[in-house]
Every structure is written in structure tokens, then in C-alpha cells.
Amino acid sequence: MRVTMREVADRAGVSIKTVSRVVNGEPHIRPEKVRRVHAAIDELGWVPNRAARALRTGQVGVVGIAVTELRRPYLAGLVEALVTEADRWGMLAAVEPTHGDPARLAAVLAARGKTFDGVVLIGPAAPVGDGLDDRPVVVVQGGAAEVDHVEEDVAEAAALVARHLAVMGRSRPALLGAHQDELRAALDGSGSVPVPGADLGEVADRRAGARAAVKVLERHPDVDALLCVNDEVALGALAALVKHGVDVPGQVAVAGYGNLEDGRFSTPSLTTIDPGPARLARSALELLADRLAGTAPRQPRAVVSPVELIRRESTLGRDAR
């Protein structure tokens, strides 16, 4: 027997209109009511009639998530957070790997209004056209200015790392990867003097981190910290340092970015910046939902999401708590 929206409303203790608003991803609903509606939907196994919804609202209830690739652990985790958040808003998510191909990205963006109600684009954005209309685009970690976008607080991340290095007495760090301007600015005020890093190549992965760590130590044997663009680079650097008999963190401390699960279980465990994928996803879907509901201002909006420094053995030592 098919479960009705009325039964969902009765189970959640809300009106049918509230159930409809939750399912349609409308904003400004009390979180407690959203949780009760989703709990009732799960308990009763109700499936919204998306065809009827599309006829009524002109929306299909699907958000496209465009991402370069899913092999990279951080990107996969961010996509998972976005899918989870889309589900919380009562929307399906279709993940579209673009593999860095502009034509594939253009196809995803062109599907707005047909396959997708809107698109969340992860990473640097090519021109996206009018992303502020009723078929919006939200960019996450892409530095977009012409559309709504969500960025982690890179300046705060750099400041956290710089203060931590100063407390630990590190003054000769090498920077491996992006965000070097922010890091250098933060380090200038901490008394550290960065040494030149090594080129990571096209892919900032573990192999690149391992190669770069060896090169930096060969050229600058007095280096006392490696600040890595992501945890993959940092884990590769850790492995190379241990292989070459370098004491981490006694001789060289290592810090990453991304808070990958692997970093908790590396030897030593990895100090890292947590950019908060769940927070990024929540902000992105809130921006998208506002656009779809017609409640957003015409001008593009920017959300700066907070970050957290996770202190572990690779900068603190094995007795760290």
C-alpha cells in the first residue's frame, strides 16, 4: 500500500505544507521540523512523487555535483558530504566527474533546467554563464566571484600553522604546494624564514610529496618543517623522511591539509588542517536552496567556512595528547 504525504505529516507532527517544503528543499524551516520530517520519511519508506513535483515547480529535485575526479581521497570525502547534505534537503545528487575536460564541465552546466535544478562545482571554475538565475551554480573551493561560492578560511589556516610552528620552535620551514602567499604572510609575523620548496609536478599526490621532501632535504639540510598543500603530499613526505632515517618530528616536522583518515594512522600521525567538508557542504546547499526558492539577492554571495588545526605526532612528538 502506497504511503501518502498525509501519513508522513501525521507521523512527524507537522502540516502537509511543511512536509512539502522540506522535500522541496525550501529554506527557513526549523531544523527540528526538518529532522522530524526526514525521520518520518525514513520510518514509513515514503518516496516523493518527483514527476508531480517537477510539473508543479518546474524543478526535478536533482542537484549535479561536478568534480574533477573521485580517486583523490579529499575530493571523494567532500562529494560524500555534499550528497549527504543534498539528501537532507530532500534532493537527489548526481555526481559527474569531469576529469579536467572543459567540454564535460560545459555539458554538466548546460544540463541545468533539464537534468539538474542546479550544480555544485568543486574546484576552480571555468566561465559558468549566469549562475544566479533559477538554475544556479555554487562553486566550492574555486575562488569564483561571479556566482555564489564557498571557501575555507585559508588565511586563518595559515595563521594557525604559523602560530603552531612558532610555539614548537620551528623557524626554517619549506612550503610544498599552493597557498604559499598566505603562508608566507603568516610566517613573516612569526619569525620563521621559509626555504625554497620543491616542484610537486602536475599531480600533488604521495609520490610528489616523497620526491619533494627528498629534494628539499638535499638542498636545505637545515630545514625543520615541511608545510604541505594536502595530506597526500604530507603522507608521501612522511614516508620518504622515515625511509631516509630522518627523525620526525625531532629533526623535521610535517603538517598537511585535509584531515584525511589515513593521517590518524600514519607513523607518526599527521598534524593537519581540517577544512570541514560537512560545513562546506552545508553552506553550499543552503546557497543553492536559496536560489532555487527565489529568496537570494541578485548579487553573488560568498561564505568563508572556518577551519581547525588538528595537532598530532608529526609536529608534537609521540608523547602528544
C-alpha atoms as a PDB file:
ATOM      1  CA  MET A   1       0.000   0.000   0.000  1.00  0.00           C
ATOM      2  CA  ARG A   2       1.428   3.372  -1.032  1.00  0.00           C
ATOM      3  CA  VAL A   3       2.333   5.733   1.825  1.00  0.00           C
ATOM      4  CA  THR A   4       0.909   9.232   1.438  1.00  0.00           C
ATOM      5  CA  MET A   5       2.280  12.643   2.308  1.00  0.00           C
ATOM      6  CA  ARG A   6      -0.557  12.979   4.843  1.00  0.00           C
ATOM      7  CA  GLU A   7       0.783   9.929   6.720  1.00  0.00           C
ATOM      8  CA  VAL A   8       4.261  11.420   6.749  1.00  0.00           C
ATOM      9  CA  ALA A   9       2.890  14.705   8.097  1.00  0.00           C
ATOM     10  CA  ASP A  10       0.914  12.918  10.823  1.00  0.00           C
ATOM     11  CA  ARG A  11       3.947  10.858  11.862  1.00  0.00           C
ATOM     12  CA  ALA A  12       6.161  13.968  12.025  1.00  0.00           C
ATOM     13  CA  GLY A  13       3.515  16.077  13.757  1.00  0.00           C
ATOM     14  CA  VAL A  14       3.600  18.806  11.091  1.00  0.00           C
ATOM     15  CA  SER A  15       1.401  20.047   8.281  1.00  0.00           C
ATOM     16  CA  ILE A  16       1.386  18.649   4.748  1.00  0.00           C
ATOM     17  CA  LYS A  17       2.710  22.007   3.598  1.00  0.00           C
ATOM     18  CA  THR A  18       5.728  21.645   5.905  1.00  0.00           C
ATOM     19  CA  VAL A  19       6.470  18.174   4.501  1.00  0.00           C
ATOM     20  CA  SER A  20       6.273  19.605   1.001  1.00  0.00           C
ATOM     21  CA  ARG A  21       8.597  22.473   1.886  1.00  0.00           C
ATOM     22  CA  VAL A  22      11.155  20.097   3.432  1.00  0.00           C
ATOM     23  CA  VAL A  23      11.059  17.744   0.440  1.00  0.00           C
ATOM     24  CA  ASN A  24      11.405  20.664  -1.961  1.00  0.00           C
ATOM     25  CA  GLY A  25      14.466  21.918  -0.115  1.00  0.00           C
ATOM     26  CA  GLU A  26      12.974  25.259   0.836  1.00  0.00           C
ATOM     27  CA  PRO A  27      14.947  27.346   3.353  1.00  0.00           C
ATOM     28  CA  HIS A  28      13.956  28.874   6.686  1.00  0.00           C
ATOM     29  CA  ILE A  29      12.416  25.754   8.213  1.00  0.00           C
ATOM     30  CA  ARG A  30      13.276  24.983  11.804  1.00  0.00           C
ATOM     31  CA  PRO A  31      15.956  22.240  11.917  1.00  0.00           C
ATOM     32  CA  GLU A  32      13.881  20.287  14.443  1.00  0.00           C
ATOM     33  CA  LYS A  33      10.978  20.079  11.968  1.00  0.00           C
ATOM     34  CA  VAL A  34      13.350  19.096   9.144  1.00  0.00           C
ATOM     35  CA  ARG A  35      14.726  16.246  11.280  1.00  0.00           C
ATOM     36  CA  ARG A  36      11.229  15.048  12.220  1.00  0.00           C
ATOM     37  CA  VAL A  37      10.074  15.030   8.605  1.00  0.00           C
ATOM     38  CA  HIS A  38      13.152  13.128   7.421  1.00  0.00           C
ATOM     39  CA  ALA A  39      12.751  10.653  10.300  1.00  0.00           C
ATOM     40  CA  ALA A  40       9.097  10.067   9.343  1.00  0.00           C
ATOM     41  CA  ILE A  41      10.050   9.586   5.689  1.00  0.00           C
ATOM     42  CA  ASP A  42      12.688   7.014   6.684  1.00  0.00           C
ATOM     43  CA  GLU A  43      10.331   5.173   9.068  1.00  0.00           C
ATOM     44  CA  LEU A  44       7.472   4.969   6.581  1.00  0.00           C
ATOM     45  CA  GLY A  45       9.588   4.418   3.486  1.00  0.00           C
ATOM     46  CA  TRP A  46       7.793   7.196   1.650  1.00  0.00           C
ATOM     47  CA  VAL A  47       9.072   8.098  -1.825  1.00  0.00           C
ATOM     48  CA  PRO A  48       8.100  11.592  -3.040  1.00  0.00           C
ATOM     49  CA  ASN A  49       6.440  11.753  -6.421  1.00  0.00           C
ATOM     50  CA  ARG A  50       9.148  13.629  -8.249  1.00  0.00           C
ATOM     51  CA  ALA A  51       7.222  13.723 -11.511  1.00  0.00           C
ATOM     52  CA  ALA A  52       4.389  15.603  -9.801  1.00  0.00           C
ATOM     53  CA  ARG A  53       6.887  17.892  -8.117  1.00  0.00           C
ATOM     54  CA  ALA A  54       8.540  18.688 -11.442  1.00  0.00           C
ATOM     55  CA  LEU A  55       5.185  19.582 -13.002  1.00  0.00           C
ATOM     56  CA  ARG A  56       4.262  21.774 -10.046  1.00  0.00           C
ATOM     57  CA  THR A  57       7.537  23.627  -9.504  1.00  0.00           C
ATOM     58  CA  GLY A  58       9.456  23.173 -12.729  1.00  0.00           C
ATOM     59  CA  GLN A  59      12.200  21.516 -10.667  1.00  0.00           C
ATOM     60  CA  VAL A  60      13.301  17.903 -10.914  1.00  0.00           C
ATOM     61  CA  GLY A  61      14.733  17.636  -7.389  1.00  0.00           C
ATOM     62  CA  VAL A  62      18.246  16.736  -8.545  1.00  0.00           C
ATOM     63  CA  VAL A  63      21.471  18.633  -7.968  1.00  0.00           C
ATOM     64  CA  GLY A  64      24.525  17.967 -10.119  1.00  0.00           C
ATOM     65  CA  ILE A  65      27.898  17.742  -8.392  1.00  0.00           C
ATOM     66  CA  ALA A  66      30.772  18.399 -10.785  1.00  0.00           C
ATOM     67  CA  VAL A  67      34.180  17.249  -9.572  1.00  0.00           C
ATOM     68  CA  THR A  68      37.463  16.704 -11.396  1.00  0.00           C
ATOM     69  CA  GLU A  69      37.900  13.123 -10.167  1.00  0.00           C
ATOM     70  CA  LEU A  70      36.956  10.773  -7.357  1.00  0.00           C
ATOM     71  CA  ARG A  71      40.270   8.959  -6.911  1.00  0.00           C
ATOM     72  CA  ARG A  72      41.585  11.695  -4.646  1.00  0.00           C
ATOM     73  CA  PRO A  73      40.533  10.943  -1.051  1.00  0.00           C
ATOM     74  CA  TYR A  74      39.759  14.520  -0.057  1.00  0.00           C
ATOM     75  CA  LEU A  75      37.583  15.142  -3.117  1.00  0.00           C
ATOM     76  CA  ALA A  76      35.735  11.873  -2.542  1.00  0.00           C
ATOM     77  CA  GLY A  77      35.054  12.880   1.065  1.00  0.00           C
ATOM     78  CA  LEU A  78      33.783  16.314   0.035  1.00  0.00           C
ATOM     79  CA  VAL A  79      31.489  14.769  -2.574  1.00  0.00           C
ATOM     80  CA  GLU A  80      30.120  12.378   0.041  1.00  0.00           C
ATOM     81  CA  ALA A  81      29.403  15.332   2.333  1.00  0.00           C
ATOM     82  CA  LEU A  82      27.578  17.130  -0.490  1.00  0.00           C
ATOM     83  CA  VAL A  83      25.488  14.049  -1.309  1.00  0.00           C
ATOM     84  CA  THR A  84      24.564  13.682   2.366  1.00  0.00           C
ATOM     85  CA  GLU A  85      23.591  17.340   2.605  1.00  0.00           C
ATOM     86  CA  ALA A  86      21.539  17.181  -0.613  1.00  0.00           C
ATOM     87  CA  ASP A  87      19.654  14.255   0.875  1.00  0.00           C
ATOM     88  CA  ARG A  88      18.953  16.314   3.991  1.00  0.00           C
ATOM     89  CA  TRP A  89      17.340  18.909   1.726  1.00  0.00           C
ATOM     90  CA  GLY A  90      15.203  16.243   0.046  1.00  0.00           C
ATOM     91  CA  MET A  91      17.171  16.306  -3.221  1.00  0.00           C
ATOM     92  CA  LEU A  92      18.880  13.602  -5.204  1.00  0.00           C
ATOM     93  CA  ALA A  93      22.517  14.135  -6.181  1.00  0.00           C
ATOM     94  CA  ALA A  94      24.144  13.134  -9.445  1.00  0.00           C
ATOM     95  CA  VAL A  95      27.951  13.085  -9.294  1.00  0.00           C
ATOM     96  CA  GLU A  96      29.634  13.999 -12.562  1.00  0.00           C
ATOM     97  CA  PRO A  97      33.437  13.532 -12.788  1.00  0.00           C
ATOM     98  CA  THR A  98      34.789  15.977 -15.375  1.00  0.00           C
ATOM     99  CA  HIS A  99      38.423  14.732 -15.495  1.00  0.00           C
ATOM    100  CA  GLY A 100      39.538  18.284 -16.168  1.00  0.00           C
ATOM    101  CA  ASP A 101      37.806  18.268 -19.563  1.00  0.00           C
ATOM    102  CA  PRO A 102      36.192  21.668 -20.318  1.00  0.00           C
ATOM    103  CA  ALA A 103      33.686  20.003 -22.649  1.00  0.00           C
ATOM    104  CA  ARG A 104      32.480  17.663 -19.909  1.00  0.00           C
ATOM    105  CA  LEU A 105      32.109  20.586 -17.495  1.00  0.00           C
ATOM    106  CA  ALA A 106      30.234  22.579 -20.126  1.00  0.00           C
ATOM    107  CA  ALA A 107      27.849  19.646 -20.619  1.00  0.00           C
ATOM    108  CA  VAL A 108      27.120  19.471 -16.884  1.00  0.00           C
ATOM    109  CA  LEU A 109      26.420  23.202 -16.723  1.00  0.00           C
ATOM    110  CA  ALA A 110      24.219  23.020 -19.826  1.00  0.00           C
ATOM    111  CA  ALA A 111      22.100  20.313 -18.138  1.00  0.00           C
ATOM    112  CA  ARG A 112      20.699  22.849 -15.657  1.00  0.00           C
ATOM    113  CA  GLY A 113      16.951  23.013 -16.017  1.00  0.00           C
ATOM    114  CA  LYS A 114      16.879  19.683 -17.813  1.00  0.00           C
ATOM    115  CA  THR A 115      18.674  17.046 -15.788  1.00  0.00           C
ATOM    116  CA  PHE A 116      19.660  19.184 -12.786  1.00  0.00           C
ATOM    117  CA  ASP A 117      17.991  22.019 -10.922  1.00  0.00           C
ATOM    118  CA  GLY A 118      21.411  23.438 -10.145  1.00  0.00           C
ATOM    119  CA  VAL A 119      25.076  22.495  -9.987  1.00  0.00           C
ATOM    120  CA  VAL A 120      27.647  22.456  -7.202  1.00  0.00           C
ATOM    121  CA  LEU A 121      31.045  22.782  -8.823  1.00  0.00           C
ATOM    122  CA  ILE A 122      34.111  21.731  -6.827  1.00  0.00           C
ATOM    123  CA  GLY A 123      37.371  23.472  -7.572  1.00  0.00           C
ATOM    124  CA  PRO A 124      38.488  26.194  -9.980  1.00  0.00           C
ATOM    125  CA  ALA A 125      35.602  27.253 -12.175  1.00  0.00           C
ATOM    126  CA  ALA A 126      35.629  27.901 -15.887  1.00  0.00           C
ATOM    127  CA  PRO A 127      33.138  30.562 -17.046  1.00  0.00           C
ATOM    128  CA  VAL A 128      29.760  29.293 -15.870  1.00  0.00           C
ATOM    129  CA  GLY A 129      27.452  31.785 -17.537  1.00  0.00           C
ATOM    130  CA  ASP A 130      24.521  33.058 -15.498  1.00  0.00           C
ATOM    131  CA  GLY A 131      24.787  31.125 -12.271  1.00  0.00           C
ATOM    132  CA  LEU A 132      22.480  33.461 -10.376  1.00  0.00           C
ATOM    133  CA  ASP A 133      19.267  32.605 -12.229  1.00  0.00           C
ATOM    134  CA  ASP A 134      16.715  29.992 -11.196  1.00  0.00           C
ATOM    135  CA  ARG A 135      19.096  27.231 -12.313  1.00  0.00           C
ATOM    136  CA  PRO A 136      22.056  28.231 -10.148  1.00  0.00           C
ATOM    137  CA  VAL A 137      25.698  27.259  -9.814  1.00  0.00           C
ATOM    138  CA  VAL A 138      27.533  27.236  -6.473  1.00  0.00           C
ATOM    139  CA  VAL A 139      31.321  26.864  -6.506  1.00  0.00           C
ATOM    140  CA  VAL A 140      33.127  25.203  -3.590  1.00  0.00           C
ATOM    141  CA  GLN A 141      36.854  25.933  -3.132  1.00  0.00           C
ATOM    142  CA  GLY A 142      37.123  27.558  -6.536  1.00  0.00           C
ATOM    143  CA  GLY A 143      37.597  31.234  -5.868  1.00  0.00           C
ATOM    144  CA  ALA A 144      34.675  32.213  -8.118  1.00  0.00           C
ATOM    145  CA  ALA A 145      33.461  35.801  -7.921  1.00  0.00           C
ATOM    146  CA  GLU A 146      30.592  35.854 -10.416  1.00  0.00           C
ATOM    147  CA  VAL A 147      28.485  33.172  -8.699  1.00  0.00           C
ATOM    148  CA  ASP A 148      27.734  32.075  -5.144  1.00  0.00           C
ATOM    149  CA  HIS A 149      30.785  30.381  -3.673  1.00  0.00           C
ATOM    150  CA  VAL A 150      32.053  28.739  -0.506  1.00  0.00           C
ATOM    151  CA  GLU A 151      35.693  28.844   0.545  1.00  0.00           C
ATOM    152  CA  GLU A 152      37.531  27.580   3.585  1.00  0.00           C
ATOM    153  CA  ASP A 153      39.353  30.255   5.564  1.00  0.00           C
ATOM    154  CA  VAL A 154      42.821  29.839   4.037  1.00  0.00           C
ATOM    155  CA  ALA A 155      44.246  32.882   5.811  1.00  0.00           C
ATOM    156  CA  GLU A 156      43.160  31.505   9.185  1.00  0.00           C
ATOM    157  CA  ALA A 157      44.596  28.097   8.272  1.00  0.00           C
ATOM    158  CA  ALA A 158      47.952  29.697   7.507  1.00  0.00           C
ATOM    159  CA  ALA A 159      47.848  31.675  10.749  1.00  0.00           C
ATOM    160  CA  LEU A 160      47.091  28.558  12.789  1.00  0.00           C
ATOM    161  CA  VAL A 161      50.014  26.687  11.244  1.00  0.00           C
ATOM    162  CA  ALA A 162      52.379  29.643  11.680  1.00  0.00           C
ATOM    163  CA  ARG A 163      51.490  30.072  15.356  1.00  0.00           C
ATOM    164  CA  HIS A 164      51.868  26.354  15.956  1.00  0.00           C
ATOM    165  CA  LEU A 165      55.332  26.298  14.355  1.00  0.00           C
ATOM    166  CA  ALA A 166      56.402  29.284  16.443  1.00  0.00           C
ATOM    167  CA  VAL A 167      55.298  27.571  19.655  1.00  0.00           C
ATOM    168  CA  MET A 168      57.193  24.438  18.631  1.00  0.00           C
ATOM    169  CA  GLY A 169      60.338  26.464  17.871  1.00  0.00           C
ATOM    170  CA  ARG A 170      60.417  25.813  14.112  1.00  0.00           C
ATOM    171  CA  SER A 171      61.978  28.608  12.063  1.00  0.00           C
ATOM    172  CA  ARG A 172      63.116  27.044   8.736  1.00  0.00           C
ATOM    173  CA  PRO A 173      60.016  25.600   7.053  1.00  0.00           C
ATOM    174  CA  ALA A 174      59.690  24.602   3.401  1.00  0.00           C
ATOM    175  CA  LEU A 175      56.368  25.141   1.617  1.00  0.00           C
ATOM    176  CA  LEU A 176      55.266  22.307  -0.628  1.00  0.00           C
ATOM    177  CA  GLY A 177      52.356  23.353  -2.820  1.00  0.00           C
ATOM    178  CA  ALA A 178      49.662  26.020  -3.006  1.00  0.00           C
ATOM    179  CA  HIS A 179      48.558  28.810  -0.647  1.00  0.00           C
ATOM    180  CA  GLN A 180      52.171  29.959  -0.418  1.00  0.00           C
ATOM    181  CA  ASP A 181      51.257  33.663  -0.358  1.00  0.00           C
ATOM    182  CA  GLU A 182      49.007  33.166   2.670  1.00  0.00           C
ATOM    183  CA  LEU A 183      51.582  31.004   4.434  1.00  0.00           C
ATOM    184  CA  ARG A 184      54.445  33.410   3.774  1.00  0.00           C
ATOM    185  CA  ALA A 185      52.393  36.323   5.071  1.00  0.00           C
ATOM    186  CA  ALA A 186      51.556  34.403   8.249  1.00  0.00           C
ATOM    187  CA  LEU A 187      55.125  33.178   8.721  1.00  0.00           C
ATOM    188  CA  ASP A 188      56.537  36.699   8.331  1.00  0.00           C
ATOM    189  CA  GLY A 189      54.955  37.638  11.610  1.00  0.00           C
ATOM    190  CA  SER A 190      56.178  34.553  13.441  1.00  0.00           C
ATOM    191  CA  GLY A 191      59.923  34.889  12.890  1.00  0.00           C
ATOM    192  CA  SER A 192      60.169  31.924  10.506  1.00  0.00           C
ATOM    193  CA  VAL A 193      62.242  32.166   7.326  1.00  0.00           C
ATOM    194  CA  PRO A 194      60.833  29.789   4.668  1.00  0.00           C
ATOM    195  CA  VAL A 195      63.335  27.987   2.445  1.00  0.00           C
ATOM    196  CA  PRO A 196      62.516  27.283  -1.227  1.00  0.00           C
ATOM    197  CA  GLY A 197      60.314  24.233  -1.680  1.00  0.00           C
ATOM    198  CA  ALA A 198      60.430  21.687  -4.496  1.00  0.00           C
ATOM    199  CA  ASP A 199      58.159  21.409  -7.526  1.00  0.00           C
ATOM    200  CA  LEU A 200      55.349  18.900  -6.985  1.00  0.00           C
ATOM    201  CA  GLY A 201      54.628  18.457 -10.686  1.00  0.00           C
ATOM    202  CA  GLU A 202      51.132  18.240 -12.165  1.00  0.00           C
ATOM    203  CA  VAL A 203      49.645  15.959  -9.504  1.00  0.00           C
ATOM    204  CA  ALA A 204      50.026  16.814  -5.814  1.00  0.00           C
ATOM    205  CA  ASP A 205      49.919  13.236  -4.530  1.00  0.00           C
ATOM    206  CA  ARG A 206      52.006  10.975  -2.274  1.00  0.00           C
ATOM    207  CA  ARG A 207      54.649  10.299  -4.896  1.00  0.00           C
ATOM    208  CA  ALA A 208      55.073  14.037  -5.451  1.00  0.00           C
ATOM    209  CA  GLY A 209      55.357  14.581  -1.704  1.00  0.00           C
ATOM    210  CA  ALA A 210      58.008  11.897  -1.334  1.00  0.00           C
ATOM    211  CA  ARG A 211      60.107  13.301  -4.190  1.00  0.00           C
ATOM    212  CA  ALA A 212      59.778  16.875  -2.947  1.00  0.00           C
ATOM    213  CA  ALA A 213      60.754  16.003   0.627  1.00  0.00           C
ATOM    214  CA  VAL A 214      63.984  14.322  -0.510  1.00  0.00           C
ATOM    215  CA  LYS A 215      64.897  17.236  -2.780  1.00  0.00           C
ATOM    216  CA  VAL A 216      64.274  19.828  -0.082  1.00  0.00           C
ATOM    217  CA  LEU A 217      66.437  17.958   2.451  1.00  0.00           C
ATOM    218  CA  GLU A 218      69.251  17.589  -0.103  1.00  0.00           C
ATOM    219  CA  ARG A 219      69.220  21.303  -0.920  1.00  0.00           C
ATOM    220  CA  HIS A 220      68.446  22.643   2.559  1.00  0.00           C
ATOM    221  CA  PRO A 221      69.643  20.217   5.266  1.00  0.00           C
ATOM    222  CA  ASP A 222      68.741  22.775   7.931  1.00  0.00           C
ATOM    223  CA  VAL A 223      65.028  22.727   7.088  1.00  0.00           C
ATOM    224  CA  ASP A 224      62.981  21.903  10.214  1.00  0.00           C
ATOM    225  CA  ALA A 225      59.403  21.701   8.904  1.00  0.00           C
ATOM    226  CA  LEU A 226      57.517  20.741   5.733  1.00  0.00           C
ATOM    227  CA  LEU A 227      54.188  22.523   5.212  1.00  0.00           C
ATOM    228  CA  CYS A 228      52.284  20.547   2.602  1.00  0.00           C
ATOM    229  CA  VAL A 229      49.429  21.598   0.339  1.00  0.00           C
ATOM    230  CA  ASN A 230      47.421  18.498   1.233  1.00  0.00           C
ATOM    231  CA  ASP A 231      47.579  15.367   3.345  1.00  0.00           C
ATOM    232  CA  GLU A 232      48.507  13.173   0.386  1.00  0.00           C
ATOM    233  CA  VAL A 233      51.677  15.190  -0.185  1.00  0.00           C
ATOM    234  CA  ALA A 234      52.354  15.181   3.566  1.00  0.00           C
ATOM    235  CA  LEU A 235      51.933  11.399   3.840  1.00  0.00           C
ATOM    236  CA  GLY A 236      54.331  10.888   0.941  1.00  0.00           C
ATOM    237  CA  ALA A 237      56.814  13.233   2.600  1.00  0.00           C
ATOM    238  CA  LEU A 238      56.487  11.368   5.909  1.00  0.00           C
ATOM    239  CA  ALA A 239      57.189   8.045   4.228  1.00  0.00           C
ATOM    240  CA  ALA A 240      60.263   9.397   2.432  1.00  0.00           C
ATOM    241  CA  LEU A 241      61.674  11.017   5.566  1.00  0.00           C
ATOM    242  CA  VAL A 242      61.270   7.844   7.603  1.00  0.00           C
ATOM    243  CA  LYS A 243      62.829   5.793   4.788  1.00  0.00           C
ATOM    244  CA  HIS A 244      65.892   8.084   4.782  1.00  0.00           C
ATOM    245  CA  GLY A 245      66.296   7.924   8.543  1.00  0.00           C
ATOM    246  CA  VAL A 246      65.107  11.464   9.257  1.00  0.00           C
ATOM    247  CA  ASP A 247      63.581  11.846  12.712  1.00  0.00           C
ATOM    248  CA  VAL A 248      60.016  13.180  12.502  1.00  0.00           C
ATOM    249  CA  PRO A 249      59.336  15.456  14.295  1.00  0.00           C
ATOM    250  CA  GLY A 250      62.717  15.625  16.072  1.00  0.00           C
ATOM    251  CA  GLN A 251      64.575  16.864  13.000  1.00  0.00           C
ATOM    252  CA  VAL A 252      61.749  17.793  10.633  1.00  0.00           C
ATOM    253  CA  ALA A 253      58.105  18.408  11.495  1.00  0.00           C
ATOM    254  CA  VAL A 254      55.407  17.765   8.880  1.00  0.00           C
ATOM    255  CA  ALA A 255      51.954  19.325   8.514  1.00  0.00           C
ATOM    256  CA  GLY A 256      49.282  18.625   5.917  1.00  0.00           C
ATOM    257  CA  TYR A 257      45.873  19.893   4.870  1.00  0.00           C
ATOM    258  CA  GLY A 258      42.603  17.996   4.559  1.00  0.00           C
ATOM    259  CA  ASN A 259      42.387  15.816   7.682  1.00  0.00           C
ATOM    260  CA  LEU A 260      42.348  12.516   5.807  1.00  0.00           C
ATOM    261  CA  GLU A 261      41.620   9.438   7.879  1.00  0.00           C
ATOM    262  CA  ASP A 262      44.980   7.964   6.808  1.00  0.00           C
ATOM    263  CA  GLY A 263      46.745  10.747   8.695  1.00  0.00           C
ATOM    264  CA  ARG A 264      45.415   9.480  12.027  1.00  0.00           C
ATOM    265  CA  PHE A 265      47.065   6.102  11.470  1.00  0.00           C
ATOM    266  CA  SER A 266      50.341   7.078   9.800  1.00  0.00           C
ATOM    267  CA  THR A 267      53.612   6.670  11.712  1.00  0.00           C
ATOM    268  CA  PRO A 268      53.943   9.246  13.128  1.00  0.00           C
ATOM    269  CA  SER A 269      50.365  10.512  12.934  1.00  0.00           C
ATOM    270  CA  LEU A 270      49.911  13.646  10.842  1.00  0.00           C
ATOM    271  CA  THR A 271      49.251  17.180  12.039  1.00  0.00           C
ATOM    272  CA  THR A 272      46.804  18.742   9.607  1.00  0.00           C
ATOM    273  CA  ILE A 273      44.274  21.461   8.912  1.00  0.00           C
ATOM    274  CA  ASP A 274      40.664  20.263   8.862  1.00  0.00           C
ATOM    275  CA  PRO A 275      38.719  22.383   6.332  1.00  0.00           C
ATOM    276  CA  GLY A 276      35.430  20.848   7.477  1.00  0.00           C
ATOM    277  CA  PRO A 277      33.831  19.160   4.420  1.00  0.00           C
ATOM    278  CA  ALA A 278      30.473  18.889   6.205  1.00  0.00           C
ATOM    279  CA  ARG A 279      30.465  22.642   6.884  1.00  0.00           C
ATOM    280  CA  LEU A 280      31.425  23.417   3.281  1.00  0.00           C
ATOM    281  CA  ALA A 281      28.670  21.139   2.001  1.00  0.00           C
ATOM    282  CA  ARG A 282      26.059  22.621   4.327  1.00  0.00           C
ATOM    283  CA  SER A 283      26.864  26.168   3.199  1.00  0.00           C
ATOM    284  CA  ALA A 284      26.851  25.183  -0.489  1.00  0.00           C
ATOM    285  CA  LEU A 285      23.440  23.527  -0.330  1.00  0.00           C
ATOM    286  CA  GLU A 286      21.984  26.415   1.669  1.00  0.00           C
ATOM    287  CA  LEU A 287      23.128  28.853  -1.032  1.00  0.00           C
ATOM    288  CA  LEU A 288      21.722  26.605  -3.751  1.00  0.00           C
ATOM    289  CA  ALA A 289      18.393  26.148  -1.955  1.00  0.00           C
ATOM    290  CA  ASP A 290      18.014  29.903  -1.509  1.00  0.00           C
ATOM    291  CA  ARG A 291      18.495  30.416  -5.253  1.00  0.00           C
ATOM    292  CA  LEU A 292      16.007  27.691  -6.139  1.00  0.00           C
ATOM    293  CA  ALA A 293      13.456  29.152  -3.723  1.00  0.00           C
ATOM    294  CA  GLY A 294      13.905  32.622  -5.198  1.00  0.00           C
ATOM    295  CA  THR A 295      14.884  34.134  -1.848  1.00  0.00           C
ATOM    296  CA  ALA A 296      18.514  35.013  -2.634  1.00  0.00           C
ATOM    297  CA  PRO A 297      19.739  38.509  -3.557  1.00  0.00           C
ATOM    298  CA  ARG A 298      20.765  39.224  -7.118  1.00  0.00           C
ATOM    299  CA  GLN A 299      24.431  39.739  -6.312  1.00  0.00           C
ATOM    300  CA  PRO A 300      26.707  36.706  -5.771  1.00  0.00           C
ATOM    301  CA  ARG A 301      27.331  35.672  -2.186  1.00  0.00           C
ATOM    302  CA  ALA A 302      30.499  34.375  -0.546  1.00  0.00           C
ATOM    303  CA  VAL A 303      30.701  32.143   2.518  1.00  0.00           C
ATOM    304  CA  VAL A 304      34.034  31.730   4.328  1.00  0.00           C
ATOM    305  CA  SER A 305      33.986  28.491   6.283  1.00  0.00           C
ATOM    306  CA  PRO A 306      36.068  28.066   9.473  1.00  0.00           C
ATOM    307  CA  VAL A 307      38.964  25.613   9.718  1.00  0.00           C
ATOM    308  CA  GLU A 308      40.624  23.732  12.582  1.00  0.00           C
ATOM    309  CA  LEU A 309      44.201  22.714  13.316  1.00  0.00           C
ATOM    310  CA  ILE A 310      44.482  19.034  14.300  1.00  0.00           C
ATOM    311  CA  ARG A 311      47.734  18.614  16.274  1.00  0.00           C
ATOM    312  CA  ARG A 312      49.309  15.164  16.067  1.00  0.00           C
ATOM    313  CA  GLU A 313      52.688  13.429  16.419  1.00  0.00           C
ATOM    314  CA  SER A 314      54.316  14.710  13.203  1.00  0.00           C
ATOM    315  CA  THR A 315      54.807  18.118  14.831  1.00  0.00           C
ATOM    316  CA  LEU A 316      54.384  17.381  18.521  1.00  0.00           C
ATOM    317  CA  GLY A 317      56.211  14.140  19.190  1.00  0.00           C
ATOM    318  CA  ARG A 318      54.995  10.708  20.225  1.00  0.00           C
ATOM    319  CA  ASP A 319      54.044  11.787  23.729  1.00  0.00           C
ATOM    320  CA  ALA A 320      51.472  14.251  22.314  1.00  0.00           C
ATOM    321  CA  ARG A 321      47.980  14.078  23.704  1.00  0.00           C
END
